[in-house]
Amino acid sequence: MGHLGDPYFTSKENGTGLGLMISKRIIANHKGTLTFSSTLGEGTTVDIHLPSIQPPANE
């Protein structure tokens, strides 16, 4: 878990280790957050929170 999102870290045979890093950067650029919670033998939950925006009021 400590290496998730690190550039070039992968557990896949043919992975590049860039997918999660790029996703984290995109979410951060939109002022959002990405969090992980994991329980061994049960699975992992990923929460992505992005701020909502209000459309401009028609004047």
PDB file of N, CA and C in Angstrom:
ATOM      1  N   MET A   1       0.826  -1.199   0.000  1.00  0.00           N
ATOM      2  CA  MET A   1       0.000   0.000   0.000  1.00  0.00           C
ATOM      3  C   MET A   1       0.868   1.260   0.000  1.00  0.00           C
ATOM      4  N   GLY A   2       2.016   1.206   0.613  1.00  0.00           N
ATOM      5  CA  GLY A   2       2.853   2.389   0.728  1.00  0.00           C
ATOM      6  C   GLY A   2       3.404   2.890  -0.592  1.00  0.00           C
ATOM      7  N   HIS A   3       3.449   2.034  -1.597  1.00  0.00           N
ATOM      8  CA  HIS A   3       4.012   2.431  -2.892  1.00  0.00           C
ATOM      9  C   HIS A   3       2.949   2.778  -3.928  1.00  0.00           C
ATOM     10  N   LEU A   4       1.676   2.671  -3.564  1.00  0.00           N
ATOM     11  CA  LEU A   4       0.626   2.981  -4.537  1.00  0.00           C
ATOM     12  C   LEU A   4       0.768   4.410  -5.037  1.00  0.00           C
ATOM     13  N   GLY A   5       0.774   4.557  -6.339  1.00  0.00           N
ATOM     14  CA  GLY A   5       0.887   5.887  -6.938  1.00  0.00           C
ATOM     15  C   GLY A   5       2.304   6.318  -7.209  1.00  0.00           C
ATOM     16  N   ASP A   6       3.293   5.561  -6.703  1.00  0.00           N
ATOM     17  CA  ASP A   6       4.682   5.891  -7.014  1.00  0.00           C
ATOM     18  C   ASP A   6       4.947   5.629  -8.491  1.00  0.00           C
ATOM     19  N   PRO A   7       5.680   6.529  -9.157  1.00  0.00           N
ATOM     20  CA  PRO A   7       5.986   6.304 -10.573  1.00  0.00           C
ATOM     21  C   PRO A   7       6.759   5.000 -10.765  1.00  0.00           C
ATOM     22  N   TYR A   8       6.328   4.250 -11.734  1.00  0.00           N
ATOM     23  CA  TYR A   8       6.966   3.007 -12.177  1.00  0.00           C
ATOM     24  C   TYR A   8       6.833   1.851 -11.199  1.00  0.00           C
ATOM     25  N   PHE A   9       6.046   1.999 -10.131  1.00  0.00           N
ATOM     26  CA  PHE A   9       5.776   0.867  -9.244  1.00  0.00           C
ATOM     27  C   PHE A   9       4.594   0.107  -9.808  1.00  0.00           C
ATOM     28  N   THR A  10       4.762  -1.192 -10.013  1.00  0.00           N
ATOM     29  CA  THR A  10       3.675  -2.025 -10.522  1.00  0.00           C
ATOM     30  C   THR A  10       3.804  -3.425  -9.967  1.00  0.00           C
ATOM     31  N   SER A  11       2.684  -4.096  -9.856  1.00  0.00           N
ATOM     32  CA  SER A  11       2.692  -5.501  -9.463  1.00  0.00           C
ATOM     33  C   SER A  11       2.302  -6.379 -10.643  1.00  0.00           C
ATOM     34  N   LYS A  12       2.132  -5.756 -11.804  1.00  0.00           N
ATOM     35  CA  LYS A  12       1.737  -6.491 -13.008  1.00  0.00           C
ATOM     36  C   LYS A  12       2.956  -6.796 -13.868  1.00  0.00           C
ATOM     37  N   GLU A  13       2.926  -7.936 -14.499  1.00  0.00           N
ATOM     38  CA  GLU A  13       4.053  -8.365 -15.329  1.00  0.00           C
ATOM     39  C   GLU A  13       4.346  -7.393 -16.469  1.00  0.00           C
ATOM     40  N   ASN A  14       3.308  -6.874 -17.099  1.00  0.00           N
ATOM     41  CA  ASN A  14       3.497  -5.976 -18.239  1.00  0.00           C
ATOM     42  C   ASN A  14       3.081  -4.542 -17.935  1.00  0.00           C
ATOM     43  N   GLY A  15       2.983  -4.179 -16.664  1.00  0.00           N
ATOM     44  CA  GLY A  15       2.551  -2.833 -16.296  1.00  0.00           C
ATOM     45  C   GLY A  15       3.684  -1.824 -16.366  1.00  0.00           C
ATOM     46  N   THR A  16       3.300  -0.548 -16.496  1.00  0.00           N
ATOM     47  CA  THR A  16       4.300   0.525 -16.523  1.00  0.00           C
ATOM     48  C   THR A  16       4.397   1.244 -15.189  1.00  0.00           C
ATOM     49  N   GLY A  17       3.366   1.117 -14.366  1.00  0.00           N
ATOM     50  CA  GLY A  17       3.363   1.801 -13.083  1.00  0.00           C
ATOM     51  C   GLY A  17       3.043   3.275 -13.182  1.00  0.00           C
ATOM     52  N   LEU A  18       2.418   3.682 -14.272  1.00  0.00           N
ATOM     53  CA  LEU A  18       2.112   5.099 -14.459  1.00  0.00           C
ATOM     54  C   LEU A  18       0.622   5.421 -14.340  1.00  0.00           C
ATOM     55  N   GLY A  19      -0.239   4.435 -14.445  1.00  0.00           N
ATOM     56  CA  GLY A  19      -1.683   4.676 -14.465  1.00  0.00           C
ATOM     57  C   GLY A  19      -2.215   5.349 -13.222  1.00  0.00           C
ATOM     58  N   LEU A  20      -1.884   4.824 -12.053  1.00  0.00           N
ATOM     59  CA  LEU A  20      -2.386   5.401 -10.816  1.00  0.00           C
ATOM     60  C   LEU A  20      -1.748   6.752 -10.537  1.00  0.00           C
ATOM     61  N   MET A  21      -0.465   6.898 -10.873  1.00  0.00           N
ATOM     62  CA  MET A  21       0.213   8.178 -10.682  1.00  0.00           C
ATOM     63  C   MET A  21      -0.467   9.276 -11.517  1.00  0.00           C
ATOM     64  N   ILE A  22      -0.780   8.962 -12.759  1.00  0.00           N
ATOM     65  CA  ILE A  22      -1.442   9.929 -13.641  1.00  0.00           C
ATOM     66  C   ILE A  22      -2.848  10.234 -13.121  1.00  0.00           C
ATOM     67  N   SER A  23      -3.560   9.205 -12.663  1.00  0.00           N
ATOM     68  CA  SER A  23      -4.902   9.415 -12.120  1.00  0.00           C
ATOM     69  C   SER A  23      -4.856  10.324 -10.901  1.00  0.00           C
ATOM     70  N   LYS A  24      -3.891  10.088  -9.987  1.00  0.00           N
ATOM     71  CA  LYS A  24      -3.758  10.933  -8.806  1.00  0.00           C
ATOM     72  C   LYS A  24      -3.491  12.379  -9.191  1.00  0.00           C
ATOM     73  N   ARG A  25      -2.674  12.588 -10.196  1.00  0.00           N
ATOM     74  CA  ARG A  25      -2.344  13.951 -10.632  1.00  0.00           C
ATOM     75  C   ARG A  25      -3.569  14.650 -11.226  1.00  0.00           C
ATOM     76  N   ILE A  26      -4.346  13.937 -12.031  1.00  0.00           N
ATOM     77  CA  ILE A  26      -5.554  14.523 -12.628  1.00  0.00           C
ATOM     78  C   ILE A  26      -6.542  14.910 -11.534  1.00  0.00           C
ATOM     79  N   ILE A  27      -6.747  14.016 -10.575  1.00  0.00           N
ATOM     80  CA  ILE A  27      -7.683  14.293  -9.476  1.00  0.00           C
ATOM     81  C   ILE A  27      -7.195  15.486  -8.656  1.00  0.00           C
ATOM     82  N   ALA A  28      -5.901  15.540  -8.363  1.00  0.00           N
ATOM     83  CA  ALA A  28      -5.344  16.664  -7.599  1.00  0.00           C
ATOM     84  C   ALA A  28      -5.493  17.980  -8.361  1.00  0.00           C
ATOM     85  N   ASN A  29      -5.323  17.950  -9.681  1.00  0.00           N
ATOM     86  CA  ASN A  29      -5.475  19.162 -10.487  1.00  0.00           C
ATOM     87  C   ASN A  29      -6.903  19.696 -10.459  1.00  0.00           C
ATOM     88  N   HIS A  30      -7.848  18.837 -10.145  1.00  0.00           N
ATOM     89  CA  HIS A  30      -9.247  19.246 -10.027  1.00  0.00           C
ATOM     90  C   HIS A  30      -9.635  19.456  -8.565  1.00  0.00           C
ATOM     91  N   LYS A  31      -8.612  19.586  -7.703  1.00  0.00           N
ATOM     92  CA  LYS A  31      -8.799  19.837  -6.275  1.00  0.00           C
ATOM     93  C   LYS A  31      -9.570  18.720  -5.575  1.00  0.00           C
ATOM     94  N   GLY A  32      -9.346  17.497  -6.035  1.00  0.00           N
ATOM     95  CA  GLY A  32      -9.988  16.342  -5.438  1.00  0.00           C
ATOM     96  C   GLY A  32      -9.013  15.518  -4.620  1.00  0.00           C
ATOM     97  N   THR A  33      -9.528  14.467  -4.024  1.00  0.00           N
ATOM     98  CA  THR A  33      -8.698  13.570  -3.233  1.00  0.00           C
ATOM     99  C   THR A  33      -8.953  12.128  -3.643  1.00  0.00           C
ATOM    100  N   LEU A  34      -7.944  11.306  -3.412  1.00  0.00           N
ATOM    101  CA  LEU A  34      -7.998   9.884  -3.717  1.00  0.00           C
ATOM    102  C   LEU A  34      -7.495   9.164  -2.471  1.00  0.00           C
ATOM    103  N   THR A  35      -8.321   8.293  -1.889  1.00  0.00           N
ATOM    104  CA  THR A  35      -7.914   7.567  -0.688  1.00  0.00           C
ATOM    105  C   THR A  35      -8.164   6.075  -0.866  1.00  0.00           C
ATOM    106  N   PHE A  36      -7.366   5.284  -0.174  1.00  0.00           N
ATOM    107  CA  PHE A  36      -7.462   3.837  -0.248  1.00  0.00           C
ATOM    108  C   PHE A  36      -7.652   3.275   1.152  1.00  0.00           C
ATOM    109  N   SER A  37      -8.458   2.236   1.256  1.00  0.00           N
ATOM    110  CA  SER A  37      -8.524   1.455   2.487  1.00  0.00           C
ATOM    111  C   SER A  37      -8.550  -0.011   2.070  1.00  0.00           C
ATOM    112  N   SER A  38      -7.755  -0.814   2.764  1.00  0.00           N
ATOM    113  CA  SER A  38      -7.595  -2.200   2.351  1.00  0.00           C
ATOM    114  C   SER A  38      -7.583  -3.113   3.565  1.00  0.00           C
ATOM    115  N   THR A  39      -8.211  -4.259   3.415  1.00  0.00           N
ATOM    116  CA  THR A  39      -8.185  -5.292   4.429  1.00  0.00           C
ATOM    117  C   THR A  39      -7.670  -6.565   3.773  1.00  0.00           C
ATOM    118  N   LEU A  40      -6.589  -7.088   4.309  1.00  0.00           N
ATOM    119  CA  LEU A  40      -5.963  -8.274   3.760  1.00  0.00           C
ATOM    120  C   LEU A  40      -6.965  -9.416   3.648  1.00  0.00           C
ATOM    121  N   GLY A  41      -7.053  -9.999   2.476  1.00  0.00           N
ATOM    122  CA  GLY A  41      -7.961 -11.113   2.242  1.00  0.00           C
ATOM    123  C   GLY A  41      -9.382 -10.712   1.924  1.00  0.00           C
ATOM    124  N   GLU A  42      -9.712  -9.436   2.064  1.00  0.00           N
ATOM    125  CA  GLU A  42     -11.075  -8.978   1.790  1.00  0.00           C
ATOM    126  C   GLU A  42     -11.158  -8.079   0.569  1.00  0.00           C
ATOM    127  N   GLY A  43     -10.186  -7.198   0.394  1.00  0.00           N
ATOM    128  CA  GLY A  43     -10.205  -6.320  -0.763  1.00  0.00           C
ATOM    129  C   GLY A  43      -9.821  -4.894  -0.421  1.00  0.00           C
ATOM    130  N   THR A  44      -9.900  -4.051  -1.430  1.00  0.00           N
ATOM    131  CA  THR A  44      -9.495  -2.658  -1.311  1.00  0.00           C
ATOM    132  C   THR A  44     -10.618  -1.764  -1.800  1.00  0.00           C
ATOM    133  N   THR A  45     -10.826  -0.671  -1.103  1.00  0.00           N
ATOM    134  CA  THR A  45     -11.800   0.335  -1.509  1.00  0.00           C
ATOM    135  C   THR A  45     -11.048   1.604  -1.880  1.00  0.00           C
ATOM    136  N   VAL A  46     -11.410   2.177  -3.014  1.00  0.00           N
ATOM    137  CA  VAL A  46     -10.818   3.433  -3.471  1.00  0.00           C
ATOM    138  C   VAL A  46     -11.923   4.481  -3.478  1.00  0.00           C
ATOM    139  N   ASP A  47     -11.680   5.586  -2.781  1.00  0.00           N
ATOM    140  CA  ASP A  47     -12.642   6.687  -2.756  1.00  0.00           C
ATOM    141  C   ASP A  47     -12.050   7.876  -3.496  1.00  0.00           C
ATOM    142  N   ILE A  48     -12.812   8.393  -4.447  1.00  0.00           N
ATOM    143  CA  ILE A  48     -12.425   9.587  -5.188  1.00  0.00           C
ATOM    144  C   ILE A  48     -13.437  10.668  -4.850  1.00  0.00           C
ATOM    145  N   HIS A  49     -12.945  11.771  -4.329  1.00  0.00           N
ATOM    146  CA  HIS A  49     -13.812  12.896  -3.977  1.00  0.00           C
ATOM    147  C   HIS A  49     -13.410  14.096  -4.824  1.00  0.00           C
ATOM    148  N   LEU A  50     -14.376  14.631  -5.547  1.00  0.00           N
ATOM    149  CA  LEU A  50     -14.162  15.821  -6.368  1.00  0.00           C
ATOM    150  C   LEU A  50     -15.143  16.893  -5.927  1.00  0.00           C
ATOM    151  N   PRO A  51     -14.687  18.137  -5.857  1.00  0.00           N
ATOM    152  CA  PRO A  51     -15.604  19.202  -5.450  1.00  0.00           C
ATOM    153  C   PRO A  51     -16.635  19.460  -6.543  1.00  0.00           C
ATOM    154  N   SER A  52     -17.827  19.805  -6.120  1.00  0.00           N
ATOM    155  CA  SER A  52     -18.858  20.162  -7.096  1.00  0.00           C
ATOM    156  C   SER A  52     -18.741  21.652  -7.389  1.00  0.00           C
ATOM    157  N   ILE A  53     -19.219  22.033  -8.546  1.00  0.00           N
ATOM    158  CA  ILE A  53     -19.228  23.451  -8.903  1.00  0.00           C
ATOM    159  C   ILE A  53     -20.672  23.858  -9.199  1.00  0.00           C
ATOM    160  N   GLN A  54     -20.957  25.084  -8.929  1.00  0.00           N
ATOM    161  CA  GLN A  54     -22.274  25.609  -9.219  1.00  0.00           C
ATOM    162  C   GLN A  54     -22.222  26.337 -10.559  1.00  0.00           C
ATOM    163  N   PRO A  55     -23.132  26.030 -11.456  1.00  0.00           N
ATOM    164  CA  PRO A  55     -23.133  26.759 -12.733  1.00  0.00           C
ATOM    165  C   PRO A  55     -23.477  28.229 -12.486  1.00  0.00           C
ATOM    166  N   PRO A  56     -22.938  29.117 -13.317  1.00  0.00           N
ATOM    167  CA  PRO A  56     -23.240  30.537 -13.144  1.00  0.00           C
ATOM    168  C   PRO A  56     -24.739  30.790 -13.297  1.00  0.00           C
ATOM    169  N   ALA A  57     -25.255  31.689 -12.471  1.00  0.00           N
ATOM    170  CA  ALA A  57     -26.678  32.032 -12.553  1.00  0.00           C
ATOM    171  C   ALA A  57     -26.909  32.888 -13.802  1.00  0.00           C
ATOM    172  N   ASN A  58     -28.002  32.597 -14.500  1.00  0.00           N
ATOM    173  CA  ASN A  58     -28.371  33.409 -15.658  1.00  0.00           C
ATOM    174  C   ASN A  58     -28.897  34.749 -15.164  1.00  0.00           C
ATOM    175  N   GLU A  59     -28.302  35.794 -15.661  1.00  0.00           N
ATOM    176  CA  GLU A  59     -28.735  37.121 -15.212  1.00  0.00           C
ATOM    177  C   GLU A  59     -29.718  37.719 -16.162  1.00  0.00           C
TER     178      GLU A  59
END
